[in-house]
Amino acid sequence: MKKICIVTATRAEYGLLKPLMHKLHESDQFELQIVATGAHLSPEFGLTYRFIESDGFQINDKVEMLLSSDTPAGIVKSMGLAQIGFADIFNRLKPDAMIILGDRYEMLSVASAATIFTIPIIHLHGGEITEGAYDDAIRHAISKLSAIHFTSTEEYRQRLIQMGEQPTHVHNVGAIGLDNIIDLPLMSREELENSLGIVFKKYNYQITFHPETLSDISSEEQFDILLEAIRQQKDSYFIFTKANADTNGRVINQMIDKFVAENNTISSAYSSLGSLRFLSTVKICNAIVGNSSSGIIEAPSLGTATINIGDRQRGRTQANSVVNCSVDLEEILEAFKKITDSTFKKSLKSLQNPYGQGGTSDKIVQALSQVDFKDLKIKKFYNIAF
């Protein structure tokens, strides 16, 4: 059996990878190895490795690497700890290949270590552009270290080929996050209220805002503008999911805690909702608000509007359900008005999600079953004639 190692560092990343992990675990061709690291092991971020175990998976190993600091210096030191830890992990587990999703800084350390160990990397969600965060550069760097690619749109597949990746090793399979929407029986409004211990109002919003790491405006200033827009919404309830362990992410989380403490009848906050409750919340809410990729990729398949703020997701392919605005109070207030307009709400019923219709995990497993990982250790650049 081919040993495939999946590394996960955050709640959101694991939520996306879970359907694929189940498919690999059930397959008679692959031995699934799981390594948890980063925020999964932090009490501050909810010790979310427990979600992995409660879903029936065995975690083969854990790598402690997250310092209690979200400054650039702290994050770079955490990346160094990750590389040191994974040197031991790869010596012990000896995977035939490993799967990395997306653009997290933790994964750049993992990919670098895997490259030195000549472990072929399978990269998901490469070729995308997010101009407002350093994640953009990290994603492209991981792509260049990877041997096989599974992209979420044909445009992204073409971009990877433009970057010199072999066309035969770049597969457009759609966004893996849509598999959860198909596979999970989402909770009703009443079930969700009971589970969260809240009471929804006439208008309901899911708020996820991460640091815009390349912006000249501080995370605190940006989030303060969003909170002011939230304060002006009437008869509304707000469900916050906290920011990732990115540069200045803790500042946002402290502001969330303060807002919820002062407005506990109209808001609640969670380090992690888990896939089922998160998707159920997005389905029930009038909009997902902030700058999360979930608003771009998953929300359209749930028929939910998105208020996308700032530049963090700039460059990503978007459905018509996404309302873009800058970090400006008047623009954000106008976006809240637009998504409750009857004409706009009617348009959500006929949405086409550019990221596919699901079934991505099956496509990935099928493609990997036909690959001899030993042939991937020498990577050739694909030249395009201009």
Protein backbone atom coordinates (compact mmCIF):
# COMPACT_ATOMS: atom_id res chain seq x y z
CA MET A 1 0.00 0.00 0.00
CA LYS A 2 1.16 3.53 -0.79
CA LYS A 3 1.72 5.58 2.34
CA ILE A 4 0.22 9.07 1.96
CA CYS A 5 0.81 11.58 4.75
CA ILE A 6 -1.66 14.44 5.29
CA VAL A 7 -0.48 17.34 7.42
CA THR A 8 -3.04 19.72 8.91
CA ALA A 9 -2.46 22.81 11.04
CA THR A 10 -5.85 24.55 11.34
CA ARG A 11 -9.53 23.78 11.91
CA ALA A 12 -10.53 25.18 8.49
CA GLU A 13 -7.89 23.19 6.63
CA TYR A 14 -8.94 19.96 8.34
CA GLY A 15 -12.60 20.65 7.54
CA LEU A 16 -11.72 20.82 3.86
CA LEU A 17 -9.47 17.76 3.92
CA LYS A 18 -11.79 15.50 5.92
CA PRO A 19 -13.74 14.00 2.98
CA LEU A 20 -10.48 13.14 1.20
CA MET A 21 -9.06 11.64 4.38
CA HIS A 22 -12.10 9.37 4.65
CA LYS A 23 -11.70 8.24 1.03
CA LEU A 24 -8.01 7.46 1.48
CA HIS A 25 -8.67 5.64 4.76
CA GLU A 26 -11.34 3.48 3.11
CA SER A 27 -9.18 2.70 0.06
CA ASP A 28 -7.35 -0.61 -0.20
CA GLN A 29 -4.55 1.09 -2.17
CA PHE A 30 -3.42 3.66 0.39
CA GLU A 31 -2.24 3.79 3.97
CA LEU A 32 -3.28 7.13 5.46
CA GLN A 33 -0.87 8.89 7.80
CA ILE A 34 -2.03 12.01 9.70
CA VAL A 35 0.17 14.61 11.36
CA ALA A 36 -1.39 17.46 13.37
CA THR A 37 0.51 20.67 14.02
CA GLY A 38 0.10 24.42 14.45
CA ALA A 39 -3.13 25.77 15.91
CA HIS A 40 -4.57 22.25 16.27
CA LEU A 41 -2.37 21.78 19.35
CA SER A 42 -3.00 25.18 20.93
CA PRO A 43 -5.48 25.67 23.82
CA GLU A 44 -5.88 29.27 22.65
CA PHE A 45 -7.26 28.03 19.32
CA GLY A 46 -9.44 25.31 20.80
CA LEU A 47 -7.19 22.19 20.73
CA THR A 48 -8.89 21.28 17.48
CA TYR A 49 -6.86 18.09 16.99
CA ARG A 50 -9.66 16.60 19.11
CA PHE A 51 -12.05 17.11 16.18
CA ILE A 52 -9.81 14.86 14.10
CA GLU A 53 -9.86 12.13 16.72
CA SER A 54 -13.60 12.45 17.35
CA ASP A 55 -14.17 11.85 13.63
CA GLY A 56 -12.57 8.43 14.03
CA PHE A 57 -9.10 9.16 12.67
CA GLN A 58 -5.87 8.09 14.30
CA ILE A 59 -3.26 10.86 14.44
CA ASN A 60 0.12 9.27 13.75
CA ASP A 61 2.10 12.15 15.19
CA LYS A 62 1.95 15.74 16.44
CA VAL A 63 4.43 18.57 15.91
CA GLU A 64 4.45 21.40 18.43
CA MET A 65 5.59 24.52 16.60
CA LEU A 66 3.30 27.45 17.43
CA LEU A 67 4.84 30.13 19.64
CA SER A 68 2.55 32.37 21.67
CA SER A 69 3.32 35.29 19.38
CA ASP A 70 1.77 36.54 16.17
CA THR A 71 4.49 39.03 15.28
CA PRO A 72 6.51 38.42 12.09
CA ALA A 73 9.47 37.34 14.24
CA GLY A 74 7.30 34.93 16.22
CA ILE A 75 5.81 33.35 13.11
CA VAL A 76 9.19 32.91 11.41
CA LYS A 77 10.51 31.21 14.57
CA SER A 78 7.44 28.94 14.57
CA MET A 79 8.22 28.01 10.96
CA GLY A 80 11.73 27.05 12.02
CA LEU A 81 10.38 24.83 14.80
CA ALA A 82 8.09 23.16 12.25
CA GLN A 83 11.01 22.26 9.99
CA ILE A 84 12.95 20.80 12.90
CA GLY A 85 9.94 18.77 14.04
CA PHE A 86 9.15 17.39 10.60
CA ALA A 87 12.73 16.22 10.13
CA ASP A 88 12.00 13.67 12.86
CA ILE A 89 8.50 12.93 11.56
CA PHE A 90 9.66 12.06 8.05
CA ASN A 91 12.46 9.90 9.41
CA ARG A 92 9.90 7.97 11.43
CA LEU A 93 6.88 7.74 9.09
CA LYS A 94 8.71 7.51 5.74
CA PRO A 95 5.66 8.40 3.59
CA ASP A 96 5.64 7.65 -0.14
CA ALA A 97 3.94 11.00 -0.77
CA MET A 98 2.28 13.78 1.17
CA ILE A 99 -0.73 16.01 0.62
CA ILE A 100 -0.71 19.74 1.37
CA LEU A 101 -3.67 22.07 0.96
CA GLY A 102 -3.42 25.74 0.18
CA ASP A 103 -1.19 28.50 1.37
CA ARG A 104 -0.50 28.38 5.12
CA TYR A 105 2.97 29.40 6.33
CA GLU A 106 3.19 26.17 8.36
CA MET A 107 2.84 24.22 5.12
CA LEU A 108 5.77 26.03 3.50
CA SER A 109 7.98 24.63 6.27
CA VAL A 110 6.51 21.17 5.78
CA ALA A 111 6.95 21.34 2.00
CA SER A 112 10.56 22.47 2.36
CA ALA A 113 11.36 19.56 4.66
CA ALA A 114 9.59 17.07 2.37
CA THR A 115 11.62 18.34 -0.59
CA ILE A 116 14.90 17.57 1.17
CA PHE A 117 13.58 14.10 2.05
CA THR A 118 12.59 13.64 -1.65
CA ILE A 119 8.98 12.98 -0.64
CA PRO A 120 6.68 13.88 -3.58
CA ILE A 121 4.19 16.60 -2.66
CA ILE A 122 0.57 16.57 -3.83
CA HIS A 123 -0.76 20.14 -3.70
CA LEU A 124 -4.44 21.14 -3.52
CA HIS A 125 -5.77 24.61 -4.43
CA GLY A 126 -2.67 25.83 -6.23
CA GLY A 127 -2.73 28.42 -9.00
CA GLU A 128 -5.04 30.77 -7.12
CA ILE A 129 -4.42 34.44 -6.41
CA THR A 130 -5.07 36.32 -3.16
CA GLU A 131 -3.35 39.65 -3.54
CA GLY A 132 -3.92 40.99 -0.02
CA ALA A 133 -1.90 38.44 1.95
CA TYR A 134 1.56 36.91 1.91
CA ASP A 135 -0.28 33.59 1.60
CA ASP A 136 -0.30 34.32 -2.15
CA ALA A 137 3.48 33.98 -2.44
CA ILE A 138 3.51 30.97 -0.11
CA ARG A 139 0.93 29.17 -2.26
CA HIS A 140 3.01 29.64 -5.42
CA ALA A 141 6.17 28.55 -3.59
CA ILE A 142 4.50 25.32 -2.43
CA SER A 143 3.29 24.72 -5.99
CA LYS A 144 6.87 24.87 -7.27
CA LEU A 145 7.91 22.32 -4.65
CA SER A 146 5.04 19.99 -5.60
CA ALA A 147 4.88 17.15 -8.11
CA ILE A 148 1.11 16.71 -8.58
CA HIS A 149 -1.57 19.40 -8.48
CA PHE A 150 -5.33 19.35 -8.02
CA THR A 151 -6.85 22.74 -8.81
CA SER A 152 -10.31 24.14 -8.15
CA THR A 153 -10.91 25.72 -11.59
CA GLU A 154 -9.58 25.38 -15.13
CA GLU A 155 -8.18 28.93 -14.95
CA TYR A 156 -6.03 27.90 -12.00
CA ARG A 157 -4.89 24.77 -13.83
CA GLN A 158 -3.72 26.90 -16.75
CA ARG A 159 -1.87 29.23 -14.37
CA LEU A 160 0.12 26.35 -12.90
CA ILE A 161 1.08 25.18 -16.37
CA GLN A 162 2.18 28.77 -17.06
CA MET A 163 4.39 28.43 -13.97
CA GLY A 164 6.17 25.46 -15.56
CA GLU A 165 4.17 22.54 -14.13
CA GLN A 166 3.70 19.49 -16.34
CA PRO A 167 0.14 19.51 -17.83
CA THR A 168 -0.23 15.77 -17.21
CA HIS A 169 0.34 16.37 -13.50
CA VAL A 170 -2.13 19.25 -13.12
CA HIS A 171 -5.76 18.19 -12.68
CA ASN A 172 -8.83 20.45 -12.45
CA VAL A 173 -11.12 18.66 -9.97
CA GLY A 174 -13.08 21.54 -8.40
CA ALA A 175 -12.97 22.79 -4.81
CA ILE A 176 -12.68 20.06 -2.20
CA GLY A 177 -14.74 22.09 0.30
CA LEU A 178 -17.89 21.46 -1.72
CA ASP A 179 -17.75 17.75 -0.86
CA ASN A 180 -18.82 18.54 2.70
CA ILE A 181 -21.89 20.37 1.42
CA ILE A 182 -22.94 17.25 -0.46
CA ASP A 183 -21.92 14.70 2.18
CA LEU A 184 -23.06 16.34 5.43
CA PRO A 185 -26.74 16.45 6.43
CA LEU A 186 -26.86 20.11 7.47
CA MET A 187 -28.58 21.13 10.69
CA SER A 188 -31.94 22.89 10.79
CA ARG A 189 -32.35 26.36 12.26
CA GLU A 190 -33.80 24.90 15.47
CA GLU A 191 -31.06 22.26 15.77
CA LEU A 192 -28.39 24.90 15.30
CA GLU A 193 -29.95 27.21 17.88
CA ASN A 194 -30.00 24.36 20.41
CA SER A 195 -26.44 23.33 19.60
CA LEU A 196 -25.04 26.86 19.90
CA GLY A 197 -27.35 27.99 22.69
CA ILE A 198 -28.50 31.07 20.77
CA VAL A 199 -31.67 32.51 19.26
CA PHE A 200 -31.48 33.75 15.69
CA LYS A 201 -33.07 37.05 14.72
CA LYS A 202 -34.65 38.43 11.54
CA TYR A 203 -31.22 38.94 9.96
CA ASN A 204 -28.25 36.71 10.76
CA TYR A 205 -24.62 36.99 9.73
CA GLN A 206 -21.59 34.75 9.99
CA ILE A 207 -18.46 36.89 10.55
CA THR A 208 -14.95 35.64 9.72
CA PHE A 209 -12.19 38.22 9.37
CA HIS A 210 -8.50 37.35 9.08
CA PRO A 211 -5.52 39.73 9.06
CA GLU A 212 -4.77 41.30 5.69
CA THR A 213 -1.05 40.73 6.04
CA LEU A 214 0.09 43.00 3.18
CA SER A 215 -2.07 46.00 4.03
CA ASP A 216 -0.77 49.38 5.20
CA ILE A 217 -3.85 49.62 7.45
CA SER A 218 -3.49 47.71 10.73
CA SER A 219 -5.69 44.70 11.45
CA GLU A 220 -7.09 46.58 14.46
CA GLU A 221 -8.14 49.56 12.35
CA GLN A 222 -9.73 47.36 9.68
CA PHE A 223 -11.68 45.23 12.11
CA ASP A 224 -12.82 48.27 14.08
CA ILE A 225 -14.46 49.62 10.91
CA LEU A 226 -16.26 46.31 10.37
CA LEU A 227 -17.47 46.27 14.00
CA GLU A 228 -18.89 49.78 13.58
CA ALA A 229 -20.83 48.60 10.52
CA ILE A 230 -22.11 45.65 12.56
CA ARG A 231 -23.28 47.94 15.36
CA GLN A 232 -25.49 49.78 12.89
CA GLN A 233 -27.40 46.65 11.82
CA LYS A 234 -30.84 46.31 13.42
CA ASP A 235 -32.67 43.13 14.45
CA SER A 236 -29.56 41.09 13.61
CA TYR A 237 -27.50 38.30 15.19
CA PHE A 238 -23.78 37.84 14.56
CA ILE A 239 -21.84 34.59 14.82
CA PHE A 240 -18.08 35.19 14.92
CA THR A 241 -15.48 32.54 14.13
CA LYS A 242 -12.08 33.65 15.31
CA ALA A 243 -9.06 34.51 13.17
CA ASN A 244 -6.27 32.08 12.32
CA ALA A 245 -2.83 32.11 13.92
CA ASP A 246 -1.59 34.68 11.41
CA THR A 247 0.32 37.91 11.93
CA ASN A 248 -1.82 40.06 14.29
CA GLY A 249 -4.60 37.45 14.43
CA ARG A 250 -4.71 37.69 18.22
CA VAL A 251 -5.60 41.39 18.00
CA ILE A 252 -8.74 40.52 16.04
CA ASN A 253 -9.66 37.76 18.48
CA GLN A 254 -9.32 40.08 21.46
CA MET A 255 -11.60 42.59 19.74
CA ILE A 256 -14.16 39.84 19.05
CA ASP A 257 -14.14 38.77 22.71
CA LYS A 258 -14.66 42.37 23.83
CA PHE A 259 -17.52 42.97 21.38
CA VAL A 260 -19.32 39.75 22.35
CA ALA A 261 -18.92 40.47 26.07
CA GLU A 262 -20.57 43.85 25.54
CA ASN A 263 -23.24 42.55 23.12
CA ASN A 264 -23.96 39.00 24.27
CA THR A 265 -27.65 39.12 23.33
CA ILE A 266 -26.88 39.67 19.63
CA SER A 267 -23.55 37.89 19.16
CA SER A 268 -21.45 34.86 20.04
CA ALA A 269 -17.91 33.76 19.20
CA TYR A 270 -16.23 30.41 18.59
CA SER A 271 -12.65 29.26 18.09
CA SER A 272 -14.06 26.53 15.88
CA LEU A 273 -17.58 25.48 14.93
CA GLY A 274 -16.53 22.31 13.10
CA SER A 275 -17.56 21.63 9.50
CA LEU A 276 -21.17 20.66 10.21
CA ARG A 277 -22.09 23.64 12.37
CA PHE A 278 -20.09 26.08 10.26
CA LEU A 279 -21.74 25.10 6.97
CA SER A 280 -25.17 24.93 8.66
CA THR A 281 -24.62 28.45 9.99
CA VAL A 282 -23.62 29.79 6.58
CA LYS A 283 -26.67 28.12 5.02
CA ILE A 284 -29.05 29.76 7.53
CA CYS A 285 -27.41 33.20 7.57
CA ASN A 286 -28.22 36.08 5.23
CA ALA A 287 -24.52 36.46 4.45
CA ILE A 288 -21.01 35.47 5.40
CA VAL A 289 -19.13 38.70 6.15
CA GLY A 290 -15.39 39.33 6.24
CA ASN A 291 -12.56 38.06 4.08
CA SER A 292 -12.58 34.28 4.38
CA SER A 293 -12.19 32.00 1.35
CA SER A 294 -15.35 30.24 2.57
CA GLY A 295 -17.35 33.22 1.38
CA ILE A 296 -15.85 32.86 -2.08
CA ILE A 297 -15.80 29.06 -2.49
CA GLU A 298 -18.42 27.40 -0.27
CA ALA A 299 -21.09 30.05 0.32
CA PRO A 300 -22.34 30.15 -3.32
CA SER A 301 -23.17 26.42 -3.18
CA LEU A 302 -25.27 27.09 -0.07
CA GLY A 303 -27.17 29.91 -1.78
CA THR A 304 -25.77 32.43 0.70
CA ALA A 305 -24.54 35.93 -0.08
CA THR A 306 -21.02 37.11 0.75
CA ILE A 307 -19.81 40.54 1.82
CA ASN A 308 -16.12 40.33 0.92
CA ILE A 309 -14.13 43.13 2.56
CA GLY A 310 -10.72 44.39 1.49
CA ASP A 311 -8.01 42.81 -0.64
CA ARG A 312 -7.31 39.50 1.12
CA GLN A 313 -9.27 37.51 -1.50
CA ARG A 314 -8.63 39.87 -4.43
CA GLY A 315 -7.88 37.87 -7.58
CA ARG A 316 -9.97 34.79 -6.81
CA THR A 317 -12.70 33.71 -9.23
CA GLN A 318 -16.07 34.73 -7.78
CA ALA A 319 -19.75 33.91 -8.17
CA ASN A 320 -22.36 36.66 -8.54
CA SER A 321 -23.34 36.20 -4.89
CA VAL A 322 -20.17 37.97 -3.74
CA VAL A 323 -20.44 41.69 -2.97
CA ASN A 324 -16.98 43.28 -2.80
CA CYS A 325 -16.17 46.40 -0.82
CA SER A 326 -13.08 48.13 0.54
CA VAL A 327 -12.36 48.60 4.23
CA ASP A 328 -14.62 51.64 4.32
CA LEU A 329 -17.60 52.12 6.63
CA GLU A 330 -19.96 53.54 4.00
CA GLU A 331 -19.11 50.81 1.47
CA ILE A 332 -19.66 48.06 4.05
CA LEU A 333 -23.01 49.57 5.10
CA GLU A 334 -24.04 49.73 1.45
CA ALA A 335 -23.10 46.07 1.03
CA PHE A 336 -25.34 45.11 3.98
CA LYS A 337 -28.21 46.94 2.26
CA LYS A 338 -27.56 45.25 -1.07
CA ILE A 339 -27.62 41.67 0.19
CA THR A 340 -31.05 42.19 1.81
CA ASP A 341 -32.52 43.68 -1.39
CA SER A 342 -35.28 41.46 -2.79
CA THR A 343 -33.86 41.43 -6.33
CA PHE A 344 -30.43 40.38 -5.08
CA LYS A 345 -31.88 37.68 -2.84
CA LYS A 346 -33.87 36.31 -5.79
CA SER A 347 -30.67 36.04 -7.85
CA LEU A 348 -29.16 33.68 -5.24
CA LYS A 349 -31.64 30.97 -6.25
CA SER A 350 -30.03 30.50 -9.67
CA LEU A 351 -26.37 30.69 -8.68
CA GLN A 352 -23.66 28.82 -10.56
CA ASN A 353 -20.61 28.09 -8.44
CA PRO A 354 -17.43 28.39 -10.57
CA TYR A 355 -15.70 25.96 -8.21
CA GLY A 356 -17.70 22.94 -9.34
CA GLN A 357 -20.36 20.67 -7.93
CA GLY A 358 -18.39 18.46 -5.53
CA GLY A 359 -17.12 14.91 -5.95
CA THR A 360 -13.57 16.26 -5.73
CA SER A 361 -12.25 13.67 -3.26
CA ASP A 362 -13.27 10.78 -5.50
CA LYS A 363 -11.51 12.40 -8.45
CA ILE A 364 -8.32 12.89 -6.45
CA VAL A 365 -8.22 9.31 -5.15
CA GLN A 366 -8.91 7.97 -8.64
CA ALA A 367 -6.07 10.01 -10.12
CA LEU A 368 -3.61 9.07 -7.36
CA SER A 369 -4.39 5.38 -7.76
CA GLN A 370 -2.83 5.56 -11.22
CA VAL A 371 0.39 7.25 -10.10
CA ASP A 372 3.72 5.61 -9.31
CA PHE A 373 5.13 7.97 -6.71
CA LYS A 374 8.68 6.77 -7.40
CA ASP A 375 8.46 8.43 -10.82
CA LEU A 376 7.83 11.84 -9.25
CA LYS A 377 11.11 12.39 -7.45
CA ILE A 378 12.71 14.07 -10.46
CA LYS A 379 10.66 17.08 -11.50
CA LYS A 380 10.94 18.57 -14.97
CA PHE A 381 10.07 22.14 -15.89
CA TYR A 382 7.45 22.55 -18.62
CA ASN A 383 8.43 25.21 -21.12
CA ILE A 384 5.79 27.22 -22.99
CA ALA A 385 6.76 28.64 -26.37
CA PHE A 386 6.11 32.37 -26.61
